[in-house]
Amino acid sequence: MTRLQRTEALRPLHEVFSPVLTALGRVVNQVSLKRMDDGELYELQVLLETLPLSTDQFGLACVRLQNAQRYLVSEEHGAARWELNTLRQQLRLQLEAEAVPRPRRKAPGQG
């Protein structure tokens, strides 16, 4: 797959992931500045539900978000930021993985 083909394959998925990654970046910045409220984490949770993630990937994303929320309640901003950055990396990797074409199995009778 050429770089152009890969970019074109990513475009529709990027449009789906972009708002979530943008919101996640905003939340990470807010955590860094120690200016967070639960409303932003709730909005992020709602946005996560829009993504085409497997059950396992979605579950892990939710756990990361819950961990970040617990760390924020405990005033452990560094740990919360780590969870959110790890979530962001997970979503970026998922976006990249979705752009890689999957080999198709041959139908029975097709040599």
PDB file of N, CA and C in Angstrom:
ATOM      1  N   MET A   1       0.852  -1.172   0.000  1.00  0.00           N
ATOM      2  CA  MET A   1       0.000   0.000   0.000  1.00  0.00           C
ATOM      3  C   MET A   1       0.898   1.236   0.000  1.00  0.00           C
ATOM      4  N   THR A   2       0.620   2.137  -0.927  1.00  0.00           N
ATOM      5  CA  THR A   2       1.416   3.359  -0.993  1.00  0.00           C
ATOM      6  C   THR A   2       0.998   4.311   0.122  1.00  0.00           C
ATOM      7  N   ARG A   3       1.816   5.302   0.334  1.00  0.00           N
ATOM      8  CA  ARG A   3       1.513   6.292   1.376  1.00  0.00           C
ATOM      9  C   ARG A   3       0.206   7.027   1.061  1.00  0.00           C
ATOM     10  N   LEU A   4      -0.014   7.355  -0.220  1.00  0.00           N
ATOM     11  CA  LEU A   4      -1.239   8.033  -0.629  1.00  0.00           C
ATOM     12  C   LEU A   4      -2.462   7.155  -0.386  1.00  0.00           C
ATOM     13  N   GLN A   5      -2.354   5.877  -0.733  1.00  0.00           N
ATOM     14  CA  GLN A   5      -3.468   4.954  -0.497  1.00  0.00           C
ATOM     15  C   GLN A   5      -3.759   4.835   0.997  1.00  0.00           C
ATOM     16  N   ARG A   6      -2.712   4.782   1.782  1.00  0.00           N
ATOM     17  CA  ARG A   6      -2.883   4.678   3.238  1.00  0.00           C
ATOM     18  C   ARG A   6      -3.575   5.933   3.779  1.00  0.00           C
ATOM     19  N   THR A   7      -3.156   7.101   3.290  1.00  0.00           N
ATOM     20  CA  THR A   7      -3.774   8.359   3.716  1.00  0.00           C
ATOM     21  C   THR A   7      -5.250   8.387   3.341  1.00  0.00           C
ATOM     22  N   GLU A   8      -5.552   7.947   2.136  1.00  0.00           N
ATOM     23  CA  GLU A   8      -6.947   7.924   1.686  1.00  0.00           C
ATOM     24  C   GLU A   8      -7.777   6.931   2.503  1.00  0.00           C
ATOM     25  N   ALA A   9      -7.175   5.804   2.861  1.00  0.00           N
ATOM     26  CA  ALA A   9      -7.882   4.805   3.664  1.00  0.00           C
ATOM     27  C   ALA A   9      -8.165   5.327   5.067  1.00  0.00           C
ATOM     28  N   LEU A  10      -7.272   6.167   5.573  1.00  0.00           N
ATOM     29  CA  LEU A  10      -7.423   6.696   6.932  1.00  0.00           C
ATOM     30  C   LEU A  10      -8.434   7.830   7.015  1.00  0.00           C
ATOM     31  N   ARG A  11      -8.705   8.517   5.916  1.00  0.00           N
ATOM     32  CA  ARG A  11      -9.530   9.724   5.959  1.00  0.00           C
ATOM     33  C   ARG A  11     -10.893   9.511   6.643  1.00  0.00           C
ATOM     34  N   PRO A  12     -11.704   8.533   6.225  1.00  0.00           N
ATOM     35  CA  PRO A  12     -13.010   8.376   6.909  1.00  0.00           C
ATOM     36  C   PRO A  12     -12.860   8.053   8.398  1.00  0.00           C
ATOM     37  N   LEU A  13     -11.907   7.205   8.729  1.00  0.00           N
ATOM     38  CA  LEU A  13     -11.690   6.865  10.137  1.00  0.00           C
ATOM     39  C   LEU A  13     -11.152   8.057  10.908  1.00  0.00           C
ATOM     40  N   HIS A  14     -10.290   8.822  10.275  1.00  0.00           N
ATOM     41  CA  HIS A  14      -9.734   9.999  10.932  1.00  0.00           C
ATOM     42  C   HIS A  14     -10.849  10.973  11.302  1.00  0.00           C
ATOM     43  N   GLU A  15     -11.849  11.086  10.446  1.00  0.00           N
ATOM     44  CA  GLU A  15     -12.972  11.977  10.737  1.00  0.00           C
ATOM     45  C   GLU A  15     -13.757  11.507  11.958  1.00  0.00           C
ATOM     46  N   VAL A  16     -13.774  10.216  12.200  1.00  0.00           N
ATOM     47  CA  VAL A  16     -14.466   9.664  13.362  1.00  0.00           C
ATOM     48  C   VAL A  16     -13.608   9.808  14.622  1.00  0.00           C
ATOM     49  N   PHE A  17     -12.318   9.532  14.486  1.00  0.00           N
ATOM     50  CA  PHE A  17     -11.419   9.563  15.639  1.00  0.00           C
ATOM     51  C   PHE A  17     -10.998  10.975  16.024  1.00  0.00           C
ATOM     52  N   SER A  18     -10.958  11.872  15.071  1.00  0.00           N
ATOM     53  CA  SER A  18     -10.432  13.218  15.307  1.00  0.00           C
ATOM     54  C   SER A  18     -11.089  13.960  16.469  1.00  0.00           C
ATOM     55  N   PRO A  19     -12.430  14.008  16.542  1.00  0.00           N
ATOM     56  CA  PRO A  19     -13.029  14.724  17.678  1.00  0.00           C
ATOM     57  C   PRO A  19     -12.658  14.113  19.034  1.00  0.00           C
ATOM     58  N   VAL A  20     -12.528  12.808  19.074  1.00  0.00           N
ATOM     59  CA  VAL A  20     -12.184  12.136  20.333  1.00  0.00           C
ATOM     60  C   VAL A  20     -10.741  12.458  20.714  1.00  0.00           C
ATOM     61  N   LEU A  21      -9.833  12.371  19.739  1.00  0.00           N
ATOM     62  CA  LEU A  21      -8.428  12.664  20.021  1.00  0.00           C
ATOM     63  C   LEU A  21      -8.238  14.133  20.395  1.00  0.00           C
ATOM     64  N   THR A  22      -8.999  15.018  19.757  1.00  0.00           N
ATOM     65  CA  THR A  22      -8.925  16.438  20.095  1.00  0.00           C
ATOM     66  C   THR A  22      -9.411  16.674  21.521  1.00  0.00           C
ATOM     67  N   ALA A  23     -10.544  16.089  21.860  1.00  0.00           N
ATOM     68  CA  ALA A  23     -11.085  16.234  23.221  1.00  0.00           C
ATOM     69  C   ALA A  23     -10.128  15.638  24.241  1.00  0.00           C
ATOM     70  N   LEU A  24      -9.547  14.521  23.913  1.00  0.00           N
ATOM     71  CA  LEU A  24      -8.599  13.869  24.814  1.00  0.00           C
ATOM     72  C   LEU A  24      -7.371  14.753  25.033  1.00  0.00           C
ATOM     73  N   GLY A  25      -6.872  15.357  23.971  1.00  0.00           N
ATOM     74  CA  GLY A  25      -5.747  16.288  24.106  1.00  0.00           C
ATOM     75  C   GLY A  25      -6.096  17.469  24.992  1.00  0.00           C
ATOM     76  N   ARG A  26      -7.321  17.976  24.838  1.00  0.00           N
ATOM     77  CA  ARG A  26      -7.786  19.096  25.659  1.00  0.00           C
ATOM     78  C   ARG A  26      -7.851  18.684  27.133  1.00  0.00           C
ATOM     79  N   VAL A  27      -8.338  17.487  27.400  1.00  0.00           N
ATOM     80  CA  VAL A  27      -8.438  16.997  28.780  1.00  0.00           C
ATOM     81  C   VAL A  27      -7.040  16.824  29.382  1.00  0.00           C
ATOM     82  N   VAL A  28      -6.105  16.288  28.596  1.00  0.00           N
ATOM     83  CA  VAL A  28      -4.728  16.121  29.092  1.00  0.00           C
ATOM     84  C   VAL A  28      -4.152  17.487  29.467  1.00  0.00           C
ATOM     85  N   ASN A  29      -4.390  18.484  28.625  1.00  0.00           N
ATOM     86  CA  ASN A  29      -3.909  19.835  28.947  1.00  0.00           C
ATOM     87  C   ASN A  29      -4.554  20.365  30.217  1.00  0.00           C
ATOM     88  N   GLN A  30      -5.839  20.128  30.392  1.00  0.00           N
ATOM     89  CA  GLN A  30      -6.536  20.584  31.592  1.00  0.00           C
ATOM     90  C   GLN A  30      -5.971  19.893  32.842  1.00  0.00           C
ATOM     91  N   VAL A  31      -5.679  18.603  32.710  1.00  0.00           N
ATOM     92  CA  VAL A  31      -5.091  17.871  33.843  1.00  0.00           C
ATOM     93  C   VAL A  31      -3.719  18.451  34.172  1.00  0.00           C
ATOM     94  N   SER A  32      -2.938  18.763  33.148  1.00  0.00           N
ATOM     95  CA  SER A  32      -1.613  19.341  33.368  1.00  0.00           C
ATOM     96  C   SER A  32      -1.701  20.668  34.109  1.00  0.00           C
ATOM     97  N   LEU A  33      -2.742  21.430  33.807  1.00  0.00           N
ATOM     98  CA  LEU A  33      -2.946  22.728  34.461  1.00  0.00           C
ATOM     99  C   LEU A  33      -3.721  22.611  35.777  1.00  0.00           C
ATOM    100  N   LYS A  34      -4.122  21.383  36.100  1.00  0.00           N
ATOM    101  CA  LYS A  34      -4.907  21.090  37.307  1.00  0.00           C
ATOM    102  C   LYS A  34      -6.234  21.856  37.313  1.00  0.00           C
ATOM    103  N   ARG A  35      -6.867  21.892  36.142  1.00  0.00           N
ATOM    104  CA  ARG A  35      -8.169  22.556  35.981  1.00  0.00           C
ATOM    105  C   ARG A  35      -9.161  21.577  35.357  1.00  0.00           C
ATOM    106  N   MET A  36      -9.563  20.611  36.097  1.00  0.00           N
ATOM    107  CA  MET A  36     -10.451  19.576  35.560  1.00  0.00           C
ATOM    108  C   MET A  36     -11.777  19.559  36.276  1.00  0.00           C
ATOM    109  N   ASP A  37     -12.802  19.141  35.520  1.00  0.00           N
ATOM    110  CA  ASP A  37     -14.072  18.835  36.153  1.00  0.00           C
ATOM    111  C   ASP A  37     -14.607  17.547  35.542  1.00  0.00           C
ATOM    112  N   ASP A  38     -15.535  16.917  36.238  1.00  0.00           N
ATOM    113  CA  ASP A  38     -16.060  15.629  35.794  1.00  0.00           C
ATOM    114  C   ASP A  38     -16.826  15.725  34.485  1.00  0.00           C
ATOM    115  N   GLY A  39     -17.336  16.902  34.166  1.00  0.00           N
ATOM    116  CA  GLY A  39     -18.085  17.073  32.929  1.00  0.00           C
ATOM    117  C   GLY A  39     -17.242  16.772  31.702  1.00  0.00           C
ATOM    118  N   GLU A  40     -15.992  17.166  31.729  1.00  0.00           N
ATOM    119  CA  GLU A  40     -15.112  16.901  30.598  1.00  0.00           C
ATOM    120  C   GLU A  40     -14.839  15.408  30.438  1.00  0.00           C
ATOM    121  N   LEU A  41     -14.675  14.716  31.539  1.00  0.00           N
ATOM    122  CA  LEU A  41     -14.471  13.266  31.459  1.00  0.00           C
ATOM    123  C   LEU A  41     -15.730  12.561  30.987  1.00  0.00           C
ATOM    124  N   TYR A  42     -16.882  13.054  31.394  1.00  0.00           N
ATOM    125  CA  TYR A  42     -18.143  12.470  30.939  1.00  0.00           C
ATOM    126  C   TYR A  42     -18.290  12.661  29.425  1.00  0.00           C
ATOM    127  N   GLU A  43     -17.983  13.857  28.937  1.00  0.00           N
ATOM    128  CA  GLU A  43     -18.054  14.117  27.497  1.00  0.00           C
ATOM    129  C   GLU A  43     -17.101  13.205  26.736  1.00  0.00           C
ATOM    130  N   LEU A  44     -15.931  12.977  27.295  1.00  0.00           N
ATOM    131  CA  LEU A  44     -14.964  12.092  26.670  1.00  0.00           C
ATOM    132  C   LEU A  44     -15.505  10.661  26.623  1.00  0.00           C
ATOM    133  N   GLN A  45     -16.156  10.235  27.674  1.00  0.00           N
ATOM    134  CA  GLN A  45     -16.776   8.906  27.714  1.00  0.00           C
ATOM    135  C   GLN A  45     -17.821   8.775  26.606  1.00  0.00           C
ATOM    136  N   VAL A  46     -18.648   9.797  26.442  1.00  0.00           N
ATOM    137  CA  VAL A  46     -19.684   9.782  25.400  1.00  0.00           C
ATOM    138  C   VAL A  46     -19.029   9.709  24.022  1.00  0.00           C
ATOM    139  N   LEU A  47     -17.973  10.476  23.815  1.00  0.00           N
ATOM    140  CA  LEU A  47     -17.274  10.442  22.525  1.00  0.00           C
ATOM    141  C   LEU A  47     -16.644   9.073  22.257  1.00  0.00           C
ATOM    142  N   LEU A  48     -16.120   8.427  23.296  1.00  0.00           N
ATOM    143  CA  LEU A  48     -15.534   7.094  23.114  1.00  0.00           C
ATOM    144  C   LEU A  48     -16.565   6.110  22.572  1.00  0.00           C
ATOM    145  N   GLU A  49     -17.805   6.296  22.975  1.00  0.00           N
ATOM    146  CA  GLU A  49     -18.866   5.385  22.535  1.00  0.00           C
ATOM    147  C   GLU A  49     -19.158   5.497  21.048  1.00  0.00           C
ATOM    148  N   THR A  50     -18.675   6.551  20.398  1.00  0.00           N
ATOM    149  CA  THR A  50     -18.909   6.725  18.965  1.00  0.00           C
ATOM    150  C   THR A  50     -17.869   6.012  18.112  1.00  0.00           C
ATOM    151  N   LEU A  51     -16.796   5.545  18.724  1.00  0.00           N
ATOM    152  CA  LEU A  51     -15.700   4.965  17.959  1.00  0.00           C
ATOM    153  C   LEU A  51     -15.950   3.508  17.595  1.00  0.00           C
ATOM    154  N   PRO A  52     -15.440   3.096  16.438  1.00  0.00           N
ATOM    155  CA  PRO A  52     -15.568   1.689  16.022  1.00  0.00           C
ATOM    156  C   PRO A  52     -14.500   0.828  16.701  1.00  0.00           C
ATOM    157  N   LEU A  53     -14.705   0.540  17.973  1.00  0.00           N
ATOM    158  CA  LEU A  53     -13.752  -0.252  18.747  1.00  0.00           C
ATOM    159  C   LEU A  53     -14.343  -1.617  19.047  1.00  0.00           C
ATOM    160  N   SER A  54     -13.469  -2.606  19.160  1.00  0.00           N
ATOM    161  CA  SER A  54     -13.938  -3.917  19.602  1.00  0.00           C
ATOM    162  C   SER A  54     -14.357  -3.810  21.068  1.00  0.00           C
ATOM    163  N   THR A  55     -15.024  -4.814  21.548  1.00  0.00           N
ATOM    164  CA  THR A  55     -15.455  -4.822  22.947  1.00  0.00           C
ATOM    165  C   THR A  55     -14.257  -4.708  23.880  1.00  0.00           C
ATOM    166  N   ASP A  56     -13.196  -5.442  23.567  1.00  0.00           N
ATOM    167  CA  ASP A  56     -11.988  -5.392  24.399  1.00  0.00           C
ATOM    168  C   ASP A  56     -11.348  -4.013  24.384  1.00  0.00           C
ATOM    169  N   GLN A  57     -11.234  -3.423  23.206  1.00  0.00           N
ATOM    170  CA  GLN A  57     -10.614  -2.106  23.089  1.00  0.00           C
ATOM    171  C   GLN A  57     -11.444  -1.045  23.803  1.00  0.00           C
ATOM    172  N   PHE A  58     -12.756  -1.124  23.646  1.00  0.00           N
ATOM    173  CA  PHE A  58     -13.627  -0.166  24.314  1.00  0.00           C
ATOM    174  C   PHE A  58     -13.548  -0.336  25.832  1.00  0.00           C
ATOM    175  N   GLY A  59     -13.529  -1.585  26.288  1.00  0.00           N
ATOM    176  CA  GLY A  59     -13.415  -1.847  27.721  1.00  0.00           C
ATOM    177  C   GLY A  59     -12.127  -1.286  28.297  1.00  0.00           C
ATOM    178  N   LEU A  60     -11.023  -1.484  27.591  1.00  0.00           N
ATOM    179  CA  LEU A  60      -9.741  -0.955  28.049  1.00  0.00           C
ATOM    180  C   LEU A  60      -9.767   0.576  28.071  1.00  0.00           C
ATOM    181  N   ALA A  61     -10.369   1.181  27.051  1.00  0.00           N
ATOM    182  CA  ALA A  61     -10.473   2.643  27.008  1.00  0.00           C
ATOM    183  C   ALA A  61     -11.269   3.154  28.207  1.00  0.00           C
ATOM    184  N   CYS A  62     -12.362   2.470  28.531  1.00  0.00           N
ATOM    185  CA  CYS A  62     -13.187   2.878  29.678  1.00  0.00           C
ATOM    186  C   CYS A  62     -12.434   2.728  30.989  1.00  0.00           C
ATOM    187  N   VAL A  63     -11.673   1.647  31.110  1.00  0.00           N
ATOM    188  CA  VAL A  63     -10.877   1.432  32.326  1.00  0.00           C
ATOM    189  C   VAL A  63      -9.840   2.539  32.479  1.00  0.00           C
ATOM    190  N   ARG A  64      -9.189   2.908  31.386  1.00  0.00           N
ATOM    191  CA  ARG A  64      -8.198   3.989  31.448  1.00  0.00           C
ATOM    192  C   ARG A  64      -8.844   5.299  31.889  1.00  0.00           C
ATOM    193  N   LEU A  65     -10.021   5.569  31.350  1.00  0.00           N
ATOM    194  CA  LEU A  65     -10.734   6.792  31.710  1.00  0.00           C
ATOM    195  C   LEU A  65     -11.169   6.763  33.176  1.00  0.00           C
ATOM    196  N   GLN A  66     -11.655   5.625  33.650  1.00  0.00           N
ATOM    197  CA  GLN A  66     -12.047   5.495  35.057  1.00  0.00           C
ATOM    198  C   GLN A  66     -10.836   5.640  35.974  1.00  0.00           C
ATOM    199  N   ASN A  67      -9.723   5.037  35.567  1.00  0.00           N
ATOM    200  CA  ASN A  67      -8.496   5.174  36.366  1.00  0.00           C
ATOM    201  C   ASN A  67      -8.086   6.639  36.456  1.00  0.00           C
ATOM    202  N   ALA A  68      -8.133   7.332  35.322  1.00  0.00           N
ATOM    203  CA  ALA A  68      -7.766   8.752  35.316  1.00  0.00           C
ATOM    204  C   ALA A  68      -8.675   9.530  36.265  1.00  0.00           C
ATOM    205  N   GLN A  69      -9.956   9.210  36.238  1.00  0.00           N
ATOM    206  CA  GLN A  69     -10.896   9.916  37.116  1.00  0.00           C
ATOM    207  C   GLN A  69     -10.569   9.649  38.586  1.00  0.00           C
ATOM    208  N   ARG A  70     -10.260   8.410  38.923  1.00  0.00           N
ATOM    209  CA  ARG A  70      -9.893   8.082  40.304  1.00  0.00           C
ATOM    210  C   ARG A  70      -8.618   8.806  40.732  1.00  0.00           C
ATOM    211  N   TYR A  71      -7.646   8.856  39.824  1.00  0.00           N
ATOM    212  CA  TYR A  71      -6.410   9.569  40.142  1.00  0.00           C
ATOM    213  C   TYR A  71      -6.665  11.051  40.354  1.00  0.00           C
ATOM    214  N   LEU A  72      -7.555  11.623  39.560  1.00  0.00           N
ATOM    215  CA  LEU A  72      -7.866  13.044  39.731  1.00  0.00           C
ATOM    216  C   LEU A  72      -8.525  13.312  41.078  1.00  0.00           C
ATOM    217  N   VAL A  73      -9.427  12.417  41.484  1.00  0.00           N
ATOM    218  CA  VAL A  73     -10.074  12.559  42.786  1.00  0.00           C
ATOM    219  C   VAL A  73      -9.034  12.490  43.902  1.00  0.00           C
ATOM    220  N   SER A  74      -8.001  11.677  43.686  1.00  0.00           N
ATOM    221  CA  SER A  74      -6.931  11.525  44.680  1.00  0.00           C
ATOM    222  C   SER A  74      -5.835  12.578  44.534  1.00  0.00           C
ATOM    223  N   GLU A  75      -6.059  13.533  43.624  1.00  0.00           N
ATOM    224  CA  GLU A  75      -5.074  14.598  43.383  1.00  0.00           C
ATOM    225  C   GLU A  75      -3.744  14.061  42.854  1.00  0.00           C
ATOM    226  N   GLU A  76      -3.798  12.944  42.143  1.00  0.00           N
ATOM    227  CA  GLU A  76      -2.596  12.372  41.531  1.00  0.00           C
ATOM    228  C   GLU A  76      -2.630  12.716  40.048  1.00  0.00           C
ATOM    229  N   HIS A  77      -2.307  13.959  39.737  1.00  0.00           N
ATOM    230  CA  HIS A  77      -2.446  14.464  38.377  1.00  0.00           C
ATOM    231  C   HIS A  77      -1.480  13.795  37.391  1.00  0.00           C
ATOM    232  N   GLY A  78      -0.294  13.480  37.838  1.00  0.00           N
ATOM    233  CA  GLY A  78       0.669  12.812  36.962  1.00  0.00           C
ATOM    234  C   GLY A  78       0.178  11.446  36.512  1.00  0.00           C
ATOM    235  N   ALA A  79      -0.375  10.688  37.439  1.00  0.00           N
ATOM    236  CA  ALA A  79      -0.901   9.364  37.108  1.00  0.00           C
ATOM    237  C   ALA A  79      -2.125   9.483  36.198  1.00  0.00           C
ATOM    238  N   ALA A  80      -2.964  10.472  36.439  1.00  0.00           N
ATOM    239  CA  ALA A  80      -4.137  10.690  35.583  1.00  0.00           C
ATOM    240  C   ALA A  80      -3.692  11.049  34.177  1.00  0.00           C
ATOM    241  N   ARG A  81      -2.705  11.908  34.085  1.00  0.00           N
ATOM    242  CA  ARG A  81      -2.181  12.309  32.776  1.00  0.00           C
ATOM    243  C   ARG A  81      -1.594  11.104  32.042  1.00  0.00           C
ATOM    244  N   TRP A  82      -0.898  10.222  32.776  1.00  0.00           N
ATOM    245  CA  TRP A  82      -0.340   9.020  32.161  1.00  0.00           C
ATOM    246  C   TRP A  82      -1.456   8.150  31.583  1.00  0.00           C
ATOM    247  N   GLU A  83      -2.518   7.928  32.342  1.00  0.00           N
ATOM    248  CA  GLU A  83      -3.641   7.116  31.859  1.00  0.00           C
ATOM    249  C   GLU A  83      -4.255   7.724  30.603  1.00  0.00           C
ATOM    250  N   LEU A  84      -4.437   9.039  30.609  1.00  0.00           N
ATOM    251  CA  LEU A  84      -5.044   9.707  29.460  1.00  0.00           C
ATOM    252  C   LEU A  84      -4.116   9.676  28.245  1.00  0.00           C
ATOM    253  N   ASN A  85      -2.832   9.860  28.453  1.00  0.00           N
ATOM    254  CA  ASN A  85      -1.887   9.770  27.337  1.00  0.00           C
ATOM    255  C   ASN A  85      -1.813   8.350  26.784  1.00  0.00           C
ATOM    256  N   THR A  86      -1.895   7.370  27.659  1.00  0.00           N
ATOM    257  CA  THR A  86      -1.896   5.975  27.222  1.00  0.00           C
ATOM    258  C   THR A  86      -3.166   5.679  26.425  1.00  0.00           C
ATOM    259  N   LEU A  87      -4.278   6.222  26.864  1.00  0.00           N
ATOM    260  CA  LEU A  87      -5.525   6.077  26.115  1.00  0.00           C
ATOM    261  C   LEU A  87      -5.392   6.721  24.737  1.00  0.00           C
ATOM    262  N   ARG A  88      -4.805   7.886  24.680  1.00  0.00           N
ATOM    263  CA  ARG A  88      -4.622   8.576  23.395  1.00  0.00           C
ATOM    264  C   ARG A  88      -3.760   7.732  22.460  1.00  0.00           C
ATOM    265  N   GLN A  89      -2.684   7.158  22.990  1.00  0.00           N
ATOM    266  CA  GLN A  89      -1.823   6.301  22.176  1.00  0.00           C
ATOM    267  C   GLN A  89      -2.588   5.064  21.706  1.00  0.00           C
ATOM    268  N   GLN A  90      -3.388   4.475  22.574  1.00  0.00           N
ATOM    269  CA  GLN A  90      -4.191   3.309  22.208  1.00  0.00           C
ATOM    270  C   GLN A  90      -5.111   3.644  21.034  1.00  0.00           C
ATOM    271  N   LEU A  91      -5.753   4.788  21.086  1.00  0.00           N
ATOM    272  CA  LEU A  91      -6.675   5.176  20.022  1.00  0.00           C
ATOM    273  C   LEU A  91      -5.935   5.472  18.723  1.00  0.00           C
ATOM    274  N   ARG A  92      -4.780   6.096  18.817  1.00  0.00           N
ATOM    275  CA  ARG A  92      -3.982   6.358  17.614  1.00  0.00           C
ATOM    276  C   ARG A  92      -3.546   5.053  16.953  1.00  0.00           C
ATOM    277  N   LEU A  93      -3.117   4.099  17.768  1.00  0.00           N
ATOM    278  CA  LEU A  93      -2.715   2.797  17.228  1.00  0.00           C
ATOM    279  C   LEU A  93      -3.899   2.089  16.585  1.00  0.00           C
ATOM    280  N   GLN A  94      -5.059   2.199  17.199  1.00  0.00           N
ATOM    281  CA  GLN A  94      -6.256   1.583  16.631  1.00  0.00           C
ATOM    282  C   GLN A  94      -6.599   2.216  15.285  1.00  0.00           C
ATOM    283  N   LEU A  95      -6.482   3.512  15.201  1.00  0.00           N
ATOM    284  CA  LEU A  95      -6.745   4.215  13.948  1.00  0.00           C
ATOM    285  C   LEU A  95      -5.790   3.731  12.865  1.00  0.00           C
ATOM    286  N   GLU A  96      -4.531   3.614  13.189  1.00  0.00           N
ATOM    287  CA  GLU A  96      -3.538   3.124  12.223  1.00  0.00           C
ATOM    288  C   GLU A  96      -3.823   1.677  11.818  1.00  0.00           C
ATOM    289  N   ALA A  97      -4.187   0.846  12.784  1.00  0.00           N
ATOM    290  CA  ALA A  97      -4.446  -0.565  12.502  1.00  0.00           C
ATOM    291  C   ALA A  97      -5.649  -0.737  11.577  1.00  0.00           C
ATOM    292  N   GLU A  98      -6.637   0.112  11.724  1.00  0.00           N
ATOM    293  CA  GLU A  98      -7.822   0.012  10.882  1.00  0.00           C
ATOM    294  C   GLU A  98      -7.528   0.338   9.426  1.00  0.00           C
ATOM    295  N   ALA A  99      -6.474   1.089   9.165  1.00  0.00           N
ATOM    296  CA  ALA A  99      -6.138   1.477   7.794  1.00  0.00           C
ATOM    297  C   ALA A  99      -5.370   0.383   7.057  1.00  0.00           C
ATOM    298  N   VAL A 100      -4.858  -0.595   7.786  1.00  0.00           N
ATOM    299  CA  VAL A 100      -4.102  -1.675   7.154  1.00  0.00           C
ATOM    300  C   VAL A 100      -5.093  -2.673   6.574  1.00  0.00           C
ATOM    301  N   PRO A 101      -4.997  -2.931   5.263  1.00  0.00           N
ATOM    302  CA  PRO A 101      -5.948  -3.872   4.668  1.00  0.00           C
ATOM    303  C   PRO A 101      -5.755  -5.273   5.221  1.00  0.00           C
ATOM    304  N   ARG A 102      -6.844  -5.930   5.461  1.00  0.00           N
ATOM    305  CA  ARG A 102      -6.798  -7.299   5.975  1.00  0.00           C
ATOM    306  C   ARG A 102      -6.908  -8.269   4.808  1.00  0.00           C
ATOM    307  N   PRO A 103      -6.100  -9.327   4.816  1.00  0.00           N
ATOM    308  CA  PRO A 103      -6.194 -10.295   3.721  1.00  0.00           C
ATOM    309  C   PRO A 103      -7.550 -10.986   3.742  1.00  0.00           C
ATOM    310  N   ARG A 104      -8.076 -11.210   2.583  1.00  0.00           N
ATOM    311  CA  ARG A 104      -9.373 -11.879   2.496  1.00  0.00           C
ATOM    312  C   ARG A 104      -9.155 -13.358   2.192  1.00  0.00           C
ATOM    313  N   ARG A 105     -10.018 -14.158   2.782  1.00  0.00           N
ATOM    314  CA  ARG A 105      -9.965 -15.587   2.504  1.00  0.00           C
ATOM    315  C   ARG A 105     -10.628 -15.841   1.167  1.00  0.00           C
ATOM    316  N   LYS A 106     -10.111 -16.813   0.469  1.00  0.00           N
ATOM    317  CA  LYS A 106     -10.720 -17.191  -0.799  1.00  0.00           C
ATOM    318  C   LYS A 106     -11.996 -17.955  -0.519  1.00  0.00           C
ATOM    319  N   ALA A 107     -12.980 -17.691  -1.342  1.00  0.00           N
ATOM    320  CA  ALA A 107     -14.248 -18.415  -1.217  1.00  0.00           C
ATOM    321  C   ALA A 107     -14.020 -19.865  -1.641  1.00  0.00           C
ATOM    322  N   PRO A 108     -14.777 -20.790  -1.043  1.00  0.00           N
ATOM    323  CA  PRO A 108     -14.644 -22.200  -1.434  1.00  0.00           C
ATOM    324  C   PRO A 108     -14.811 -22.337  -2.951  1.00  0.00           C
ATOM    325  N   GLY A 109     -13.915 -23.090  -3.538  1.00  0.00           N
ATOM    326  CA  GLY A 109     -13.994 -23.327  -4.978  1.00  0.00           C
ATOM    327  C   GLY A 109     -13.172 -22.341  -5.791  1.00  0.00           C
ATOM    328  N   GLN A 110     -12.564 -21.336  -5.140  1.00  0.00           N
ATOM    329  CA  GLN A 110     -11.719 -20.394  -5.866  1.00  0.00           C
ATOM    330  C   GLN A 110     -10.259 -20.745  -5.603  1.00  0.00           C
ATOM    331  N   GLY A 111      -9.694 -21.508  -6.407  1.00  0.00           N
ATOM    332  CA  GLY A 111      -8.410 -22.050  -6.381  1.00  0.00           C
ATOM    333  C   GLY A 111      -7.343 -21.603  -5.596  1.00  0.00           C
TER     334      GLY A 111
END
